[in-house]
PDB file of N, CA and C in Angstrom:
ATOM      1  N   MET A   1     -21.520 122.903  12.988  1.00  0.00           N
ATOM      2  CA  MET A   1     -21.153 122.664  14.356  1.00  0.00           C
ATOM      3  C   MET A   1     -19.742 122.077  14.385  1.00  0.00           C
ATOM      4  N   SER A   2     -18.931 122.502  15.323  1.00  0.00           N
ATOM      5  CA  SER A   2     -17.576 121.973  15.434  1.00  0.00           C
ATOM      6  C   SER A   2     -17.161 121.908  16.895  1.00  0.00           C
ATOM      7  N   LEU A   3     -16.133 121.116  17.154  1.00  0.00           N
ATOM      8  CA  LEU A   3     -15.554 121.066  18.489  1.00  0.00           C
ATOM      9  C   LEU A   3     -14.379 122.031  18.508  1.00  0.00           C
ATOM     10  N   PRO A   4     -14.305 122.899  19.513  1.00  0.00           N
ATOM     11  CA  PRO A   4     -13.170 123.820  19.578  1.00  0.00           C
ATOM     12  C   PRO A   4     -11.897 123.070  19.960  1.00  0.00           C
ATOM     13  N   GLU A   5     -10.778 123.764  19.912  1.00  0.00           N
ATOM     14  CA  GLU A   5      -9.525 123.161  20.370  1.00  0.00           C
ATOM     15  C   GLU A   5      -9.679 122.895  21.864  1.00  0.00           C
ATOM     16  N   LEU A   6      -9.840 121.655  22.199  1.00  0.00           N
ATOM     17  CA  LEU A   6     -10.089 121.273  23.582  1.00  0.00           C
ATOM     18  C   LEU A   6      -8.786 121.103  24.341  1.00  0.00           C
ATOM     19  N   GLN A   7      -8.820 121.414  25.612  1.00  0.00           N
ATOM     20  CA  GLN A   7      -7.662 121.227  26.478  1.00  0.00           C
ATOM     21  C   GLN A   7      -7.847 119.911  27.231  1.00  0.00           C
ATOM     22  N   LEU A   8      -7.594 118.828  26.553  1.00  0.00           N
ATOM     23  CA  LEU A   8      -7.792 117.491  27.108  1.00  0.00           C
ATOM     24  C   LEU A   8      -6.476 116.727  27.068  1.00  0.00           C
ATOM     25  N   SER A   9      -5.496 117.251  27.742  1.00  0.00           N
ATOM     26  CA  SER A   9      -4.146 116.694  27.647  1.00  0.00           C
ATOM     27  C   SER A   9      -4.031 115.271  28.181  1.00  0.00           C
ATOM     28  N   ASN A  10      -4.939 114.835  29.045  1.00  0.00           N
ATOM     29  CA  ASN A  10      -4.866 113.484  29.605  1.00  0.00           C
ATOM     30  C   ASN A  10      -5.834 112.499  28.957  1.00  0.00           C
ATOM     31  N   LEU A  11      -6.524 112.914  27.916  1.00  0.00           N
ATOM     32  CA  LEU A  11      -7.501 112.059  27.247  1.00  0.00           C
ATOM     33  C   LEU A  11      -6.807 110.887  26.553  1.00  0.00           C
ATOM     34  N   THR A  12      -7.241 109.663  26.857  1.00  0.00           N
ATOM     35  CA  THR A  12      -6.648 108.476  26.233  1.00  0.00           C
ATOM     36  C   THR A  12      -7.620 107.762  25.307  1.00  0.00           C
ATOM     37  N   ARG A  13      -8.925 108.019  25.442  1.00  0.00           N
ATOM     38  CA  ARG A  13      -9.935 107.368  24.605  1.00  0.00           C
ATOM     39  C   ARG A  13     -11.005 108.391  24.236  1.00  0.00           C
ATOM     40  N   LEU A  14     -11.348 108.410  22.944  1.00  0.00           N
ATOM     41  CA  LEU A  14     -12.388 109.313  22.465  1.00  0.00           C
ATOM     42  C   LEU A  14     -13.298 108.548  21.522  1.00  0.00           C
ATOM     43  N   SER A  15     -14.593 108.555  21.819  1.00  0.00           N
ATOM     44  CA  SER A  15     -15.597 107.910  20.973  1.00  0.00           C
ATOM     45  C   SER A  15     -16.668 108.939  20.640  1.00  0.00           C
ATOM     46  N   ILE A  16     -16.961 109.070  19.360  1.00  0.00           N
ATOM     47  CA  ILE A  16     -17.992 109.994  18.896  1.00  0.00           C
ATOM     48  C   ILE A  16     -18.947 109.203  18.012  1.00  0.00           C
ATOM     49  N   PHE A  17     -20.236 109.186  18.386  1.00  0.00           N
ATOM     50  CA  PHE A  17     -21.246 108.417  17.664  1.00  0.00           C
ATOM     51  C   PHE A  17     -22.426 109.303  17.282  1.00  0.00           C
ATOM     52  N   ASP A  18     -22.956 109.088  16.085  1.00  0.00           N
ATOM     53  CA  ASP A  18     -24.221 109.683  15.647  1.00  0.00           C
ATOM     54  C   ASP A  18     -24.284 111.202  15.807  1.00  0.00           C
ATOM     55  N   CYS A  19     -23.253 111.887  15.391  1.00  0.00           N
ATOM     56  CA  CYS A  19     -23.227 113.355  15.423  1.00  0.00           C
ATOM     57  C   CYS A  19     -23.256 113.855  13.983  1.00  0.00           C
ATOM     58  N   GLU A  20     -24.410 113.762  13.364  1.00  0.00           N
ATOM     59  CA  GLU A  20     -24.556 114.088  11.947  1.00  0.00           C
ATOM     60  C   GLU A  20     -24.198 115.538  11.632  1.00  0.00           C
ATOM     61  N   ARG A  21     -24.402 116.456  12.564  1.00  0.00           N
ATOM     62  CA  ARG A  21     -24.150 117.873  12.297  1.00  0.00           C
ATOM     63  C   ARG A  21     -22.739 118.315  12.683  1.00  0.00           C
ATOM     64  N   LEU A  22     -21.981 117.463  13.309  1.00  0.00           N
ATOM     65  CA  LEU A  22     -20.607 117.802  13.679  1.00  0.00           C
ATOM     66  C   LEU A  22     -19.761 117.878  12.415  1.00  0.00           C
ATOM     67  N   ALA A  23     -19.129 119.029  12.173  1.00  0.00           N
ATOM     68  CA  ALA A  23     -18.409 119.238  10.919  1.00  0.00           C
ATOM     69  C   ALA A  23     -16.895 119.150  11.052  1.00  0.00           C
ATOM     70  N   SER A  24     -16.365 119.339  12.254  1.00  0.00           N
ATOM     71  CA  SER A  24     -14.911 119.285  12.402  1.00  0.00           C
ATOM     72  C   SER A  24     -14.518 118.856  13.807  1.00  0.00           C
ATOM     73  N   LEU A  25     -13.272 118.454  13.912  1.00  0.00           N
ATOM     74  CA  LEU A  25     -12.689 118.033  15.180  1.00  0.00           C
ATOM     75  C   LEU A  25     -11.539 118.971  15.520  1.00  0.00           C
ATOM     76  N   PRO A  26     -11.138 118.997  16.799  1.00  0.00           N
ATOM     77  CA  PRO A  26      -9.921 119.748  17.102  1.00  0.00           C
ATOM     78  C   PRO A  26      -8.735 119.066  16.428  1.00  0.00           C
ATOM     79  N   LYS A  27      -7.631 119.744  16.333  1.00  0.00           N
ATOM     80  CA  LYS A  27      -6.439 119.164  15.713  1.00  0.00           C
ATOM     81  C   LYS A  27      -6.043 117.910  16.493  1.00  0.00           C
ATOM     82  N   LEU A  28      -6.183 116.760  15.849  1.00  0.00           N
ATOM     83  CA  LEU A  28      -5.991 115.483  16.528  1.00  0.00           C
ATOM     84  C   LEU A  28      -4.574 115.286  17.044  1.00  0.00           C
ATOM     85  N   SER A  29      -3.597 115.844  16.385  1.00  0.00           N
ATOM     86  CA  SER A  29      -2.216 115.659  16.831  1.00  0.00           C
ATOM     87  C   SER A  29      -1.952 116.330  18.178  1.00  0.00           C
ATOM     88  N   ASN A  30      -2.842 117.235  18.608  1.00  0.00           N
ATOM     89  CA  ASN A  30      -2.700 117.864  19.922  1.00  0.00           C
ATOM     90  C   ASN A  30      -3.146 116.953  21.060  1.00  0.00           C
ATOM     91  N   LEU A  31      -3.834 115.875  20.738  1.00  0.00           N
ATOM     92  CA  LEU A  31      -4.270 114.916  21.759  1.00  0.00           C
ATOM     93  C   LEU A  31      -3.144 113.901  21.944  1.00  0.00           C
ATOM     94  N   THR A  32      -2.104 114.312  22.621  1.00  0.00           N
ATOM     95  CA  THR A  32      -0.841 113.567  22.650  1.00  0.00           C
ATOM     96  C   THR A  32      -0.900 112.234  23.381  1.00  0.00           C
ATOM     97  N   LEU A  33      -1.868 112.025  24.265  1.00  0.00           N
ATOM     98  CA  LEU A  33      -1.975 110.758  24.986  1.00  0.00           C
ATOM     99  C   LEU A  33      -3.086 109.857  24.451  1.00  0.00           C
ATOM    100  N   LEU A  34      -3.808 110.313  23.435  1.00  0.00           N
ATOM    101  CA  LEU A  34      -4.930 109.545  22.895  1.00  0.00           C
ATOM    102  C   LEU A  34      -4.445 108.240  22.276  1.00  0.00           C
ATOM    103  N   LYS A  35      -5.020 107.122  22.747  1.00  0.00           N
ATOM    104  CA  LYS A  35      -4.640 105.803  22.241  1.00  0.00           C
ATOM    105  C   LYS A  35      -5.747 105.159  21.421  1.00  0.00           C
ATOM    106  N   ASP A  36      -7.003 105.448  21.746  1.00  0.00           N
ATOM    107  CA  ASP A  36      -8.139 104.827  21.069  1.00  0.00           C
ATOM    108  C   ASP A  36      -9.080 105.911  20.552  1.00  0.00           C
ATOM    109  N   LEU A  37      -9.389 105.839  19.256  1.00  0.00           N
ATOM    110  CA  LEU A  37     -10.289 106.805  18.637  1.00  0.00           C
ATOM    111  C   LEU A  37     -11.337 106.062  17.824  1.00  0.00           C
ATOM    112  N   VAL A  38     -12.618 106.337  18.118  1.00  0.00           N
ATOM    113  CA  VAL A  38     -13.742 105.755  17.389  1.00  0.00           C
ATOM    114  C   VAL A  38     -14.628 106.908  16.925  1.00  0.00           C
ATOM    115  N   ILE A  39     -14.887 106.962  15.627  1.00  0.00           N
ATOM    116  CA  ILE A  39     -15.806 107.958  15.072  1.00  0.00           C
ATOM    117  C   ILE A  39     -16.757 107.211  14.149  1.00  0.00           C
ATOM    118  N   ARG A  40     -18.064 107.232  14.497  1.00  0.00           N
ATOM    119  CA  ARG A  40     -19.058 106.496  13.712  1.00  0.00           C
ATOM    120  C   ARG A  40     -20.297 107.356  13.483  1.00  0.00           C
ATOM    121  N   SER A  41     -20.817 107.272  12.274  1.00  0.00           N
ATOM    122  CA  SER A  41     -22.054 107.965  11.881  1.00  0.00           C
ATOM    123  C   SER A  41     -21.969 109.466  12.125  1.00  0.00           C
ATOM    124  N   CYS A  42     -20.910 110.059  11.621  1.00  0.00           N
ATOM    125  CA  CYS A  42     -20.695 111.505  11.698  1.00  0.00           C
ATOM    126  C   CYS A  42     -20.405 111.995  10.284  1.00  0.00           C
ATOM    127  N   ARG A  43     -21.424 112.043   9.448  1.00  0.00           N
ATOM    128  CA  ARG A  43     -21.268 112.298   8.015  1.00  0.00           C
ATOM    129  C   ARG A  43     -20.754 113.698   7.679  1.00  0.00           C
ATOM    130  N   GLY A  44     -20.744 114.601   8.633  1.00  0.00           N
ATOM    131  CA  GLY A  44     -20.218 115.934   8.381  1.00  0.00           C
ATOM    132  C   GLY A  44     -18.726 116.053   8.616  1.00  0.00           C
ATOM    133  N   ILE A  45     -18.126 115.056   9.267  1.00  0.00           N
ATOM    134  CA  ILE A  45     -16.704 115.124   9.624  1.00  0.00           C
ATOM    135  C   ILE A  45     -15.825 114.679   8.468  1.00  0.00           C
ATOM    136  N   ASP A  46     -14.845 115.505   8.185  1.00  0.00           N
ATOM    137  CA  ASP A  46     -13.824 115.179   7.193  1.00  0.00           C
ATOM    138  C   ASP A  46     -12.530 114.936   7.965  1.00  0.00           C
ATOM    139  N   VAL A  47     -12.222 113.680   8.262  1.00  0.00           N
ATOM    140  CA  VAL A  47     -11.067 113.342   9.089  1.00  0.00           C
ATOM    141  C   VAL A  47      -9.764 113.724   8.417  1.00  0.00           C
ATOM    142  N   SER A  48      -9.774 113.852   7.115  1.00  0.00           N
ATOM    143  CA  SER A  48      -8.538 114.154   6.394  1.00  0.00           C
ATOM    144  C   SER A  48      -8.151 115.631   6.454  1.00  0.00           C
ATOM    145  N   ILE A  49      -8.922 116.455   7.138  1.00  0.00           N
ATOM    146  CA  ILE A  49      -8.662 117.893   7.118  1.00  0.00           C
ATOM    147  C   ILE A  49      -7.351 118.291   7.770  1.00  0.00           C
ATOM    148  N   HIS A  50      -6.801 117.456   8.607  1.00  0.00           N
ATOM    149  CA  HIS A  50      -5.554 117.805   9.292  1.00  0.00           C
ATOM    150  C   HIS A  50      -4.334 117.235   8.585  1.00  0.00           C
ATOM    151  N   GLY A  51      -4.464 116.868   7.348  1.00  0.00           N
ATOM    152  CA  GLY A  51      -3.325 116.404   6.572  1.00  0.00           C
ATOM    153  C   GLY A  51      -2.693 115.136   7.097  1.00  0.00           C
ATOM    154  N   GLY A  52      -3.500 114.268   7.691  1.00  0.00           N
ATOM    155  CA  GLY A  52      -2.962 113.009   8.183  1.00  0.00           C
ATOM    156  C   GLY A  52      -2.153 113.147   9.460  1.00  0.00           C
ATOM    157  N   CYS A  53      -2.387 114.198  10.228  1.00  0.00           N
ATOM    158  CA  CYS A  53      -1.688 114.382  11.507  1.00  0.00           C
ATOM    159  C   CYS A  53      -2.517 113.752  12.616  1.00  0.00           C
ATOM    160  N   TRP A  54      -2.180 112.545  12.962  1.00  0.00           N
ATOM    161  CA  TRP A  54      -2.910 111.776  13.964  1.00  0.00           C
ATOM    162  C   TRP A  54      -2.254 111.931  15.330  1.00  0.00           C
ATOM    163  N   PRO A  55      -2.967 111.580  16.399  1.00  0.00           N
ATOM    164  CA  PRO A  55      -2.336 111.587  17.719  1.00  0.00           C
ATOM    165  C   PRO A  55      -1.105 110.679  17.701  1.00  0.00           C
ATOM    166  N   PRO A  56       0.003 111.107  18.270  1.00  0.00           N
ATOM    167  CA  PRO A  56       1.258 110.363  18.151  1.00  0.00           C
ATOM    168  C   PRO A  56       1.258 108.988  18.816  1.00  0.00           C
ATOM    169  N   LYS A  57       0.377 108.768  19.805  1.00  0.00           N
ATOM    170  CA  LYS A  57       0.346 107.478  20.504  1.00  0.00           C
ATOM    171  C   LYS A  57      -0.869 106.636  20.127  1.00  0.00           C
ATOM    172  N   LEU A  58      -1.545 106.991  19.053  1.00  0.00           N
ATOM    173  CA  LEU A  58      -2.758 106.294  18.635  1.00  0.00           C
ATOM    174  C   LEU A  58      -2.470 104.826  18.341  1.00  0.00           C
ATOM    175  N   CYS A  59      -3.182 103.932  19.037  1.00  0.00           N
ATOM    176  CA  CYS A  59      -3.013 102.482  18.862  1.00  0.00           C
ATOM    177  C   CYS A  59      -4.175 101.865  18.093  1.00  0.00           C
ATOM    178  N   SER A  60      -5.384 102.400  18.303  1.00  0.00           N
ATOM    179  CA  SER A  60      -6.580 101.815  17.714  1.00  0.00           C
ATOM    180  C   SER A  60      -7.438 102.911  17.089  1.00  0.00           C
ATOM    181  N   LEU A  61      -7.846 102.675  15.835  1.00  0.00           N
ATOM    182  CA  LEU A  61      -8.662 103.635  15.102  1.00  0.00           C
ATOM    183  C   LEU A  61      -9.817 102.897  14.447  1.00  0.00           C
ATOM    184  N   GLU A  62     -11.033 103.360  14.707  1.00  0.00           N
ATOM    185  CA  GLU A  62     -12.238 102.748  14.146  1.00  0.00           C
ATOM    186  C   GLU A  62     -13.086 103.854  13.533  1.00  0.00           C
ATOM    187  N   LEU A  63     -13.393 103.727  12.238  1.00  0.00           N
ATOM    188  CA  LEU A  63     -14.119 104.769  11.521  1.00  0.00           C
ATOM    189  C   LEU A  63     -15.282 104.194  10.728  1.00  0.00           C
ATOM    190  N   GLU A  64     -16.382 104.952  10.706  1.00  0.00           N
ATOM    191  CA  GLU A  64     -17.546 104.565   9.902  1.00  0.00           C
ATOM    192  C   GLU A  64     -18.399 105.799   9.642  1.00  0.00           C
ATOM    193  N   GLY A  65     -18.933 105.889   8.444  1.00  0.00           N
ATOM    194  CA  GLY A  65     -19.924 106.909   8.119  1.00  0.00           C
ATOM    195  C   GLY A  65     -19.416 108.332   8.213  1.00  0.00           C
ATOM    196  N   LEU A  66     -18.265 108.604   7.594  1.00  0.00           N
ATOM    197  CA  LEU A  66     -17.715 109.952   7.593  1.00  0.00           C
ATOM    198  C   LEU A  66     -17.990 110.633   6.257  1.00  0.00           C
ATOM    199  N   LYS A  67     -17.587 111.874   6.141  1.00  0.00           N
ATOM    200  CA  LYS A  67     -17.863 112.662   4.944  1.00  0.00           C
ATOM    201  C   LYS A  67     -17.231 112.063   3.691  1.00  0.00           C
ATOM    202  N   LYS A  68     -15.976 111.638   3.783  1.00  0.00           N
ATOM    203  CA  LYS A  68     -15.266 111.067   2.636  1.00  0.00           C
ATOM    204  C   LYS A  68     -14.773 109.671   2.977  1.00  0.00           C
ATOM    205  N   PRO A  69     -14.785 108.758   2.004  1.00  0.00           N
ATOM    206  CA  PRO A  69     -14.193 107.439   2.243  1.00  0.00           C
ATOM    207  C   PRO A  69     -12.671 107.560   2.321  1.00  0.00           C
ATOM    208  N   ILE A  70     -12.039 106.621   2.985  1.00  0.00           N
ATOM    209  CA  ILE A  70     -10.589 106.653   3.177  1.00  0.00           C
ATOM    210  C   ILE A  70      -9.847 106.689   1.847  1.00  0.00           C
ATOM    211  N   SER A  71     -10.446 106.135   0.808  1.00  0.00           N
ATOM    212  CA  SER A  71      -9.802 106.128  -0.507  1.00  0.00           C
ATOM    213  C   SER A  71      -9.600 107.538  -1.065  1.00  0.00           C
ATOM    214  N   GLU A  72     -10.284 108.537  -0.509  1.00  0.00           N
ATOM    215  CA  GLU A  72     -10.161 109.921  -0.966  1.00  0.00           C
ATOM    216  C   GLU A  72      -9.341 110.795  -0.018  1.00  0.00           C
ATOM    217  N   TRP A  73      -8.722 110.221   0.993  1.00  0.00           N
ATOM    218  CA  TRP A  73      -8.008 111.010   1.994  1.00  0.00           C
ATOM    219  C   TRP A  73      -6.633 111.467   1.562  1.00  0.00           C
ATOM    220  N   GLY A  74      -6.043 110.824   0.596  1.00  0.00           N
ATOM    221  CA  GLY A  74      -4.676 111.169   0.220  1.00  0.00           C
ATOM    222  C   GLY A  74      -3.683 110.472   1.142  1.00  0.00           C
ATOM    223  N   ASP A  75      -2.586 111.149   1.469  1.00  0.00           N
ATOM    224  CA  ASP A  75      -1.544 110.577   2.317  1.00  0.00           C
ATOM    225  C   ASP A  75      -2.060 110.437   3.745  1.00  0.00           C
ATOM    226  N   LEU A  76      -2.117 109.217   4.254  1.00  0.00           N
ATOM    227  CA  LEU A  76      -2.709 108.957   5.560  1.00  0.00           C
ATOM    228  C   LEU A  76      -1.769 109.252   6.722  1.00  0.00           C
ATOM    229  N   ASN A  77      -0.496 109.019   6.564  1.00  0.00           N
ATOM    230  CA  ASN A  77       0.491 109.303   7.612  1.00  0.00           C
ATOM    231  C   ASN A  77       0.091 108.773   8.981  1.00  0.00           C
ATOM    232  N   PHE A  78      -0.366 107.533   9.050  1.00  0.00           N
ATOM    233  CA  PHE A  78      -0.704 106.951  10.340  1.00  0.00           C
ATOM    234  C   PHE A  78       0.545 106.873  11.210  1.00  0.00           C
ATOM    235  N   PRO A  79       0.397 107.040  12.519  1.00  0.00           N
ATOM    236  CA  PRO A  79       1.564 106.928  13.395  1.00  0.00           C
ATOM    237  C   PRO A  79       2.045 105.480  13.466  1.00  0.00           C
ATOM    238  N   THR A  80       3.299 105.282  13.752  1.00  0.00           N
ATOM    239  CA  THR A  80       3.850 103.926  13.843  1.00  0.00           C
ATOM    240  C   THR A  80       3.263 103.160  15.023  1.00  0.00           C
ATOM    241  N   SER A  81       2.630 103.843  15.968  1.00  0.00           N
ATOM    242  CA  SER A  81       2.006 103.196  17.125  1.00  0.00           C
ATOM    243  C   SER A  81       0.686 102.504  16.773  1.00  0.00           C
ATOM    244  N   LEU A  82       0.090 102.799  15.602  1.00  0.00           N
ATOM    245  CA  LEU A  82      -1.207 102.240  15.221  1.00  0.00           C
ATOM    246  C   LEU A  82      -1.089 100.745  14.934  1.00  0.00           C
ATOM    247  N   VAL A  83      -1.841  99.935  15.697  1.00  0.00           N
ATOM    248  CA  VAL A  83      -1.813  98.482  15.514  1.00  0.00           C
ATOM    249  C   VAL A  83      -3.188  97.910  15.169  1.00  0.00           C
ATOM    250  N   HIS A  84      -4.246  98.701  15.307  1.00  0.00           N
ATOM    251  CA  HIS A  84      -5.595  98.209  15.025  1.00  0.00           C
ATOM    252  C   HIS A  84      -6.363  99.275  14.244  1.00  0.00           C
ATOM    253  N   LEU A  85      -6.742  98.928  13.021  1.00  0.00           N
ATOM    254  CA  LEU A  85      -7.489  99.835  12.159  1.00  0.00           C
ATOM    255  C   LEU A  85      -8.735  99.116  11.672  1.00  0.00           C
ATOM    256  N   THR A  86      -9.913  99.694  11.943  1.00  0.00           N
ATOM    257  CA  THR A  86     -11.173  99.122  11.478  1.00  0.00           C
ATOM    258  C   THR A  86     -11.929 100.191  10.705  1.00  0.00           C
ATOM    259  N   LEU A  87     -12.302  99.855   9.464  1.00  0.00           N
ATOM    260  CA  LEU A  87     -13.047 100.766   8.605  1.00  0.00           C
ATOM    261  C   LEU A  87     -14.359 100.098   8.225  1.00  0.00           C
ATOM    262  N   TYR A  88     -15.473 100.691   8.614  1.00  0.00           N
ATOM    263  CA  TYR A  88     -16.786 100.156   8.266  1.00  0.00           C
ATOM    264  C   TYR A  88     -17.319 100.880   7.042  1.00  0.00           C
ATOM    265  N   GLY A  89     -17.987 100.127   6.157  1.00  0.00           N
ATOM    266  CA  GLY A  89     -18.646 100.737   5.010  1.00  0.00           C
ATOM    267  C   GLY A  89     -17.695 101.395   4.041  1.00  0.00           C
ATOM    268  N   GLU A  90     -16.527 100.819   3.859  1.00  0.00           N
ATOM    269  CA  GLU A  90     -15.529 101.369   2.936  1.00  0.00           C
ATOM    270  C   GLU A  90     -15.668 100.620   1.621  1.00  0.00           C
ATOM    271  N   PRO A  91     -16.368 101.191   0.629  1.00  0.00           N
ATOM    272  CA  PRO A  91     -16.709 100.450  -0.578  1.00  0.00           C
ATOM    273  C   PRO A  91     -15.516  99.917  -1.366  1.00  0.00           C
ATOM    274  N   HIS A  92     -14.393 100.602  -1.370  1.00  0.00           N
ATOM    275  CA  HIS A  92     -13.241 100.128  -2.141  1.00  0.00           C
ATOM    276  C   HIS A  92     -12.594  98.904  -1.510  1.00  0.00           C
ATOM    277  N   PHE A  93     -12.860  98.672  -0.237  1.00  0.00           N
ATOM    278  CA  PHE A  93     -12.278  97.524   0.439  1.00  0.00           C
ATOM    279  C   PHE A  93     -13.286  96.384   0.583  1.00  0.00           C
ATOM    280  N   GLN A  94     -14.584  96.706   0.613  1.00  0.00           N
ATOM    281  CA  GLN A  94     -15.587  95.691   0.880  1.00  0.00           C
ATOM    282  C   GLN A  94     -16.478  95.375  -0.306  1.00  0.00           C
ATOM    283  N   GLY A  95     -16.556  96.266  -1.265  1.00  0.00           N
ATOM    284  CA  GLY A  95     -17.389  96.030  -2.421  1.00  0.00           C
ATOM    285  C   GLY A  95     -18.799  96.561  -2.286  1.00  0.00           C
ATOM    286  N   ASP A  96     -19.268  96.835  -1.078  1.00  0.00           N
ATOM    287  CA  ASP A  96     -20.625  97.319  -0.867  1.00  0.00           C
ATOM    288  C   ASP A  96     -20.613  98.314   0.287  1.00  0.00           C
ATOM    289  N   SER A  97     -20.941  99.559   0.017  1.00  0.00           N
ATOM    290  CA  SER A  97     -20.868 100.588   1.054  1.00  0.00           C
ATOM    291  C   SER A  97     -21.942 100.430   2.119  1.00  0.00           C
ATOM    292  N   ASN A  98     -22.932  99.573   1.898  1.00  0.00           N
ATOM    293  CA  ASN A  98     -23.996  99.399   2.876  1.00  0.00           C
ATOM    294  C   ASN A  98     -23.776  98.215   3.803  1.00  0.00           C
ATOM    295  N   THR A  99     -22.711  97.497   3.606  1.00  0.00           N
ATOM    296  CA  THR A  99     -22.476  96.338   4.447  1.00  0.00           C
ATOM    297  C   THR A  99     -22.087  96.752   5.854  1.00  0.00           C
ATOM    298  N   SER A 100     -22.428  95.929   6.825  1.00  0.00           N
ATOM    299  CA  SER A 100     -22.078  96.242   8.207  1.00  0.00           C
ATOM    300  C   SER A 100     -20.814  95.528   8.646  1.00  0.00           C
ATOM    301  N   HIS A 101     -20.229  94.739   7.763  1.00  0.00           N
ATOM    302  CA  HIS A 101     -19.004  94.029   8.118  1.00  0.00           C
ATOM    303  C   HIS A 101     -17.810  94.951   7.967  1.00  0.00           C
ATOM    304  N   PRO A 102     -16.929  94.969   8.956  1.00  0.00           N
ATOM    305  CA  PRO A 102     -15.789  95.874   8.886  1.00  0.00           C
ATOM    306  C   PRO A 102     -14.651  95.334   8.045  1.00  0.00           C
ATOM    307  N   PHE A 103     -13.831  96.242   7.582  1.00  0.00           N
ATOM    308  CA  PHE A 103     -12.547  95.908   6.978  1.00  0.00           C
ATOM    309  C   PHE A 103     -11.539  96.068   8.107  1.00  0.00           C
ATOM    310  N   ASN A 104     -10.904  94.997   8.519  1.00  0.00           N
ATOM    311  CA  ASN A 104      -9.960  95.030   9.628  1.00  0.00           C
ATOM    312  C   ASN A 104      -8.544  94.822   9.152  1.00  0.00           C
ATOM    313  N   ILE A 105      -7.642  95.544   9.751  1.00  0.00           N
ATOM    314  CA  ILE A 105      -6.222  95.303   9.569  1.00  0.00           C
ATOM    315  C   ILE A 105      -5.681  95.016  10.960  1.00  0.00           C
ATOM    316  N   TRP A 106      -5.242  93.806  11.190  1.00  0.00           N
ATOM    317  CA  TRP A 106      -4.701  93.459  12.505  1.00  0.00           C
ATOM    318  C   TRP A 106      -3.611  92.442  12.339  1.00  0.00           C
ATOM    319  N   PRO A 107      -2.423  92.609  12.816  1.00  0.00           N
ATOM    320  CA  PRO A 107      -1.927  93.897  13.294  1.00  0.00           C
ATOM    321  C   PRO A 107      -1.565  94.796  12.127  1.00  0.00           C
ATOM    322  N   PHE A 108      -1.508  96.049  12.385  1.00  0.00           N
ATOM    323  CA  PHE A 108      -1.163  97.039  11.369  1.00  0.00           C
ATOM    324  C   PHE A 108      -0.020  97.881  11.899  1.00  0.00           C
ATOM    325  N   SER A 109       0.952  98.148  11.090  1.00  0.00           N
ATOM    326  CA  SER A 109       2.030  99.044  11.485  1.00  0.00           C
ATOM    327  C   SER A 109       2.357  99.946  10.313  1.00  0.00           C
ATOM    328  N   ALA A 110       2.417 101.224  10.574  1.00  0.00           N
ATOM    329  CA  ALA A 110       2.750 102.176   9.518  1.00  0.00           C
ATOM    330  C   ALA A 110       4.141 101.892   8.966  1.00  0.00           C
ATOM    331  N   ALA A 111       4.971 101.253   9.759  1.00  0.00           N
ATOM    332  CA  ALA A 111       6.324 100.926   9.309  1.00  0.00           C
ATOM    333  C   ALA A 111       6.308  99.840   8.237  1.00  0.00           C
ATOM    334  N   GLN A 112       5.207  99.098   8.106  1.00  0.00           N
ATOM    335  CA  GLN A 112       5.097  98.016   7.132  1.00  0.00           C
ATOM    336  C   GLN A 112       4.687  98.527   5.760  1.00  0.00           C
ATOM    337  N   ARG A 113       4.315  99.811   5.630  1.00  0.00           N
ATOM    338  CA  ARG A 113       3.832 100.357   4.361  1.00  0.00           C
ATOM    339  C   ARG A 113       4.877 100.287   3.292  1.00  0.00           C
TER     340      ARG A 113
END
């Protein structure tokens, strides 16, 4: 199951929860006004499929329970607008993939890398 290339030019917030069969997302960089993105418990989604092309105005990103951990994504290329990043269940950052405590980066700026 996948989401087609959606025509959501005015979308500023997108939250996707508990979609175990969802396998892909539309090209995220096409969501030019998206500021907040939350994807949780979607084990079929591989967020890294777009080569790190995130929405250009993305300010907040929250991820949990995806196909691959962030440590396997390669070059992340987060936009410089990103100031809040929360990763749940990221074993390389937390030590236990079953923990419910998030790994938070606040504030975060891609320019600080």
